[in-house]
Amino acid sequence: MKVAWVAGLFSTIGDALGSYAAALAIEEAVEDGAAQLEKERQLERRLINLEKQLDTIQEMLESK
């Protein structure tokens, strides 16, 4: 009887640890996704800035 109770307790603790590990993995995946999205936004802003600079240079060359 005691062995079954202890085995059940260990099983429950194992399930809890597994759930906690899954939650941590999900949280890490969400954070990685957010970091990737921010990198993409930064690249988009840089590209827009470069396009504006190129337009300015082209306008300067056309006006000469």
N, C-alpha and C. Protein backbone atom coordinates (compact mmCIF):
# COMPACT_ATOMS: atom_id res chain seq x y z
N MET A 1 0.83 -1.19 0.00
CA MET A 1 0.00 0.00 0.00
C MET A 1 0.87 1.25 0.00
N LYS A 2 1.89 1.30 0.89
CA LYS A 2 2.75 2.48 0.94
C LYS A 2 3.54 2.64 -0.36
N VAL A 3 3.95 1.53 -0.95
CA VAL A 3 4.73 1.58 -2.18
C VAL A 3 3.88 2.20 -3.30
N ALA A 4 2.63 1.81 -3.37
CA ALA A 4 1.74 2.36 -4.39
C ALA A 4 1.53 3.85 -4.17
N TRP A 5 1.40 4.25 -2.92
CA TRP A 5 1.20 5.67 -2.61
C TRP A 5 2.44 6.48 -3.00
N VAL A 6 3.63 5.98 -2.66
CA VAL A 6 4.88 6.66 -3.00
C VAL A 6 5.05 6.71 -4.52
N ALA A 7 4.73 5.62 -5.21
CA ALA A 7 4.84 5.59 -6.66
C ALA A 7 3.88 6.62 -7.28
N GLY A 8 2.68 6.71 -6.74
CA GLY A 8 1.72 7.69 -7.23
C GLY A 8 2.20 9.11 -7.00
N LEU A 9 2.81 9.34 -5.84
CA LEU A 9 3.36 10.66 -5.53
C LEU A 9 4.47 11.04 -6.51
N PHE A 10 5.39 10.10 -6.76
CA PHE A 10 6.46 10.37 -7.72
C PHE A 10 5.90 10.61 -9.12
N SER A 11 4.90 9.86 -9.48
CA SER A 11 4.28 10.04 -10.79
C SER A 11 3.66 11.43 -10.90
N THR A 12 2.98 11.86 -9.86
CA THR A 12 2.37 13.19 -9.86
C THR A 12 3.42 14.28 -9.93
N ILE A 13 4.50 14.11 -9.17
CA ILE A 13 5.59 15.08 -9.20
C ILE A 13 6.22 15.12 -10.60
N GLY A 14 6.41 13.96 -11.22
CA GLY A 14 6.95 13.89 -12.57
C GLY A 14 6.06 14.59 -13.57
N ASP A 15 4.75 14.38 -13.45
CA ASP A 15 3.80 15.06 -14.34
C ASP A 15 3.87 16.57 -14.17
N ALA A 16 3.98 17.02 -12.91
CA ALA A 16 4.06 18.46 -12.64
C ALA A 16 5.33 19.04 -13.25
N LEU A 17 6.45 18.33 -13.09
CA LEU A 17 7.71 18.81 -13.66
C LEU A 17 7.64 18.83 -15.20
N GLY A 18 7.00 17.83 -15.77
CA GLY A 18 6.83 17.81 -17.22
C GLY A 18 6.00 18.98 -17.71
N SER A 19 4.94 19.29 -16.99
CA SER A 19 4.09 20.43 -17.36
C SER A 19 4.86 21.74 -17.23
N TYR A 20 5.64 21.85 -16.17
CA TYR A 20 6.44 23.06 -15.96
C TYR A 20 7.47 23.22 -17.08
N ALA A 21 8.12 22.12 -17.48
CA ALA A 21 9.10 22.18 -18.55
C ALA A 21 8.44 22.58 -19.87
N ALA A 22 7.25 22.06 -20.12
CA ALA A 22 6.53 22.42 -21.35
C ALA A 22 6.17 23.90 -21.34
N ALA A 23 5.74 24.41 -20.19
CA ALA A 23 5.40 25.83 -20.08
C ALA A 23 6.64 26.70 -20.33
N LEU A 24 7.77 26.29 -19.80
CA LEU A 24 9.01 27.04 -20.03
C LEU A 24 9.40 27.02 -21.51
N ALA A 25 9.23 25.88 -22.15
CA ALA A 25 9.56 25.77 -23.57
C ALA A 25 8.66 26.67 -24.40
N ILE A 26 7.38 26.71 -24.07
CA ILE A 26 6.44 27.57 -24.79
C ILE A 26 6.81 29.04 -24.60
N GLU A 27 7.12 29.40 -23.37
CA GLU A 27 7.50 30.78 -23.07
C GLU A 27 8.76 31.17 -23.84
N GLU A 28 9.73 30.28 -23.91
CA GLU A 28 10.96 30.56 -24.64
C GLU A 28 10.68 30.72 -26.13
N ALA A 29 9.80 29.88 -26.66
CA ALA A 29 9.45 29.98 -28.08
C ALA A 29 8.76 31.31 -28.38
N VAL A 30 7.90 31.75 -27.49
CA VAL A 30 7.21 33.04 -27.67
C VAL A 30 8.22 34.18 -27.63
N GLU A 31 9.14 34.12 -26.68
CA GLU A 31 10.17 35.16 -26.57
C GLU A 31 11.07 35.18 -27.81
N ASP A 32 11.43 34.00 -28.31
CA ASP A 32 12.25 33.92 -29.52
C ASP A 32 11.49 34.52 -30.71
N GLY A 33 10.21 34.24 -30.78
CA GLY A 33 9.39 34.79 -31.86
C GLY A 33 9.32 36.30 -31.79
N ALA A 34 9.17 36.83 -30.57
CA ALA A 34 9.11 38.28 -30.39
C ALA A 34 10.45 38.93 -30.75
N ALA A 35 11.55 38.28 -30.39
CA ALA A 35 12.87 38.82 -30.72
C ALA A 35 13.08 38.81 -32.24
N GLN A 36 12.65 37.74 -32.89
CA GLN A 36 12.78 37.66 -34.34
C GLN A 36 11.94 38.74 -35.02
N LEU A 37 10.73 38.96 -34.51
CA LEU A 37 9.86 39.99 -35.07
C LEU A 37 10.49 41.37 -34.93
N GLU A 38 11.12 41.64 -33.80
CA GLU A 38 11.78 42.93 -33.60
C GLU A 38 12.95 43.10 -34.57
N LYS A 39 13.72 42.03 -34.80
CA LYS A 39 14.82 42.10 -35.76
C LYS A 39 14.28 42.40 -37.16
N GLU A 40 13.18 41.76 -37.52
CA GLU A 40 12.59 42.02 -38.83
C GLU A 40 12.11 43.46 -38.94
N ARG A 41 11.55 44.00 -37.88
CA ARG A 41 11.10 45.40 -37.90
C ARG A 41 12.28 46.35 -38.04
N GLN A 42 13.38 46.06 -37.34
CA GLN A 42 14.57 46.89 -37.45
C GLN A 42 15.13 46.87 -38.87
N LEU A 43 15.16 45.68 -39.46
CA LEU A 43 15.64 45.58 -40.84
C LEU A 43 14.73 46.34 -41.80
N GLU A 44 13.43 46.28 -41.56
CA GLU A 44 12.47 47.01 -42.39
C GLU A 44 12.72 48.52 -42.29
N ARG A 45 12.95 49.02 -41.07
CA ARG A 45 13.21 50.45 -40.89
C ARG A 45 14.50 50.86 -41.59
N ARG A 46 15.53 50.01 -41.49
CA ARG A 46 16.79 50.32 -42.16
C ARG A 46 16.62 50.34 -43.67
N LEU A 47 15.85 49.41 -44.19
CA LEU A 47 15.61 49.37 -45.63
C LEU A 47 14.87 50.62 -46.09
N ILE A 48 13.86 51.04 -45.35
CA ILE A 48 13.12 52.26 -45.68
C ILE A 48 14.06 53.47 -45.67
N ASN A 49 14.93 53.53 -44.67
CA ASN A 49 15.88 54.63 -44.57
C ASN A 49 16.84 54.63 -45.76
N LEU A 50 17.32 53.46 -46.14
CA LEU A 50 18.21 53.36 -47.30
C LEU A 50 17.50 53.77 -48.58
N GLU A 51 16.25 53.39 -48.73
CA GLU A 51 15.47 53.78 -49.91
C GLU A 51 15.31 55.29 -49.98
N LYS A 52 15.07 55.92 -48.83
CA LYS A 52 14.94 57.38 -48.80
C LYS A 52 16.26 58.04 -49.19
N GLN A 53 17.36 57.52 -48.67
CA GLN A 53 18.66 58.08 -49.00
C GLN A 53 18.96 57.92 -50.50
N LEU A 54 18.62 56.77 -51.05
CA LEU A 54 18.82 56.54 -52.48
C LEU A 54 17.97 57.50 -53.30
N ASP A 55 16.73 57.72 -52.89
CA ASP A 55 15.86 58.68 -53.59
C ASP A 55 16.46 60.08 -53.56
N THR A 56 17.00 60.46 -52.42
CA THR A 56 17.62 61.78 -52.28
C THR A 56 18.81 61.91 -53.21
N ILE A 57 19.64 60.89 -53.26
CA ILE A 57 20.80 60.92 -54.14
C ILE A 57 20.37 61.00 -55.60
N GLN A 58 19.36 60.23 -55.96
CA GLN A 58 18.88 60.27 -57.34
C GLN A 58 18.33 61.65 -57.70
N GLU A 59 17.62 62.27 -56.79
CA GLU A 59 17.08 63.62 -57.03
C GLU A 59 18.23 64.61 -57.20
N MET A 60 19.27 64.47 -56.38
CA MET A 60 20.40 65.37 -56.50
C MET A 60 21.11 65.20 -57.84
N LEU A 61 21.26 63.98 -58.29
CA LEU A 61 21.91 63.72 -59.57
C LEU A 61 21.07 64.22 -60.74
N GLU A 62 19.76 64.09 -60.63
CA GLU A 62 18.87 64.54 -61.70
C GLU A 62 18.82 66.07 -61.81
N SER A 63 19.01 66.75 -60.70
CA SER A 63 18.93 68.21 -60.70
C SER A 63 20.19 68.87 -61.23
N LYS A 64 21.25 68.11 -61.41
CA LYS A 64 22.53 68.69 -61.90
C LYS A 64 22.58 68.73 -63.39
